[in-house]
C-alpha atoms as a PDB file:
ATOM      1  CA  UNK A   1     -13.017  18.910  -2.399  1.00  0.00           C
ATOM      2  CA  UNK A   2     -10.840  19.213  -5.222  1.00  0.00           C
ATOM      3  CA  UNK A   3      -8.526  16.746  -4.391  1.00  0.00           C
ATOM      4  CA  UNK A   4     -10.668  13.764  -4.108  1.00  0.00           C
ATOM      5  CA  UNK A   5     -12.671  14.381  -7.160  1.00  0.00           C
ATOM      6  CA  UNK A   6      -9.193  14.453  -9.119  1.00  0.00           C
ATOM      7  CA  UNK A   7      -7.960  11.203  -7.230  1.00  0.00           C
ATOM      8  CA  UNK A   8     -11.481   9.396  -7.944  1.00  0.00           C
ATOM      9  CA  UNK A   9     -11.199  10.718 -11.633  1.00  0.00           C
ATOM     10  CA  UNK A  10      -7.649   9.747 -12.237  1.00  0.00           C
ATOM     11  CA  UNK A  11      -7.024   6.522 -14.637  1.00  0.00           C
ATOM     12  CA  UNK A  12      -4.346   5.514 -12.097  1.00  0.00           C
ATOM     13  CA  UNK A  13      -5.574   6.693  -8.859  1.00  0.00           C
ATOM     14  CA  UNK A  14      -3.053   6.579  -5.745  1.00  0.00           C
ATOM     15  CA  UNK A  15      -3.714   3.937  -3.453  1.00  0.00           C
ATOM     16  CA  UNK A  16      -1.754   6.144  -0.782  1.00  0.00           C
ATOM     17  CA  UNK A  17      -2.601  10.279  -1.010  1.00  0.00           C
ATOM     18  CA  UNK A  18      -0.488  11.384   1.875  1.00  0.00           C
ATOM     19  CA  UNK A  19      -1.954  15.531   1.569  1.00  0.00           C
ATOM     20  CA  UNK A  20       0.300  18.488   3.515  1.00  0.00           C
ATOM     21  CA  UNK A  21       3.834  18.264   4.432  1.00  0.00           C
ATOM     22  CA  UNK A  22       3.376  16.952   7.593  1.00  0.00           C
ATOM     23  CA  UNK A  23       1.375  13.711   6.367  1.00  0.00           C
ATOM     24  CA  UNK A  24       4.095  13.667   3.679  1.00  0.00           C
ATOM     25  CA  UNK A  25       7.052  13.619   5.890  1.00  0.00           C
ATOM     26  CA  UNK A  26       5.344  10.676   8.232  1.00  0.00           C
ATOM     27  CA  UNK A  27       4.646   8.428   5.590  1.00  0.00           C
ATOM     28  CA  UNK A  28       8.153   8.635   4.452  1.00  0.00           C
ATOM     29  CA  UNK A  29       9.726   8.031   7.984  1.00  0.00           C
ATOM     30  CA  UNK A  30       6.883   5.042   7.965  1.00  0.00           C
ATOM     31  CA  UNK A  31       8.055   3.780   4.802  1.00  0.00           C
ATOM     32  CA  UNK A  32      11.647   4.233   5.348  1.00  0.00           C
ATOM     33  CA  UNK A  33      11.540   2.236   8.647  1.00  0.00           C
ATOM     34  CA  UNK A  34       9.629  -0.720   6.503  1.00  0.00           C
ATOM     35  CA  UNK A  35      12.106  -1.122   4.328  1.00  0.00           C
ATOM     36  CA  UNK A  36      14.999  -1.154   6.697  1.00  0.00           C
ATOM     37  CA  UNK A  37      12.803  -3.992   8.033  1.00  0.00           C
ATOM     38  CA  UNK A  38      13.014  -5.517   4.650  1.00  0.00           C
ATOM     39  CA  UNK A  39      16.276  -4.974   4.246  1.00  0.00           C
ATOM     40  CA  UNK A  40      17.330  -6.324   7.953  1.00  0.00           C
ATOM     41  CA  UNK A  41      15.089  -9.311   7.717  1.00  0.00           C
ATOM     42  CA  UNK A  42      15.477 -10.058   3.792  1.00  0.00           C
ATOM     43  CA  UNK A  43      16.965 -13.735   4.338  1.00  0.00           C
ATOM     44  CA  UNK A  44      14.275 -14.943   6.126  1.00  0.00           C
ATOM     45  CA  UNK A  45      11.308 -13.169   4.077  1.00  0.00           C
ATOM     46  CA  UNK A  46      12.564 -14.486   0.687  1.00  0.00           C
ATOM     47  CA  UNK A  47      13.192 -18.172   2.823  1.00  0.00           C
ATOM     48  CA  UNK A  48       9.645 -19.028   3.481  1.00  0.00           C
ATOM     49  CA  UNK A  49       8.523 -19.564  -0.153  1.00  0.00           C
ATOM     50  CA  UNK A  50       7.229 -23.059  -1.061  1.00  0.00           C
ATOM     51  CA  UNK A  51       9.079 -25.122  -4.166  1.00  0.00           C
ATOM     52  CA  UNK A  52       6.252 -24.450  -6.347  1.00  0.00           C
ATOM     53  CA  UNK A  53       6.363 -20.469  -6.151  1.00  0.00           C
ATOM     54  CA  UNK A  54       8.799 -18.922  -8.855  1.00  0.00           C
ATOM     55  CA  UNK A  55      11.016 -15.639  -7.362  1.00  0.00           C
END
């Protein structure tokens, strides 16, 4: 498959490669929900660092 070869031979291959419009739409929906969770829980997420961790 040409797409697989192109991704495998790329200088910076993608970590995720949602192929097709339906897959792309589902991926975008999933990542939007994840971003919303981060936004909603930002204070909790960022409040868990140890004192020796620089932000």
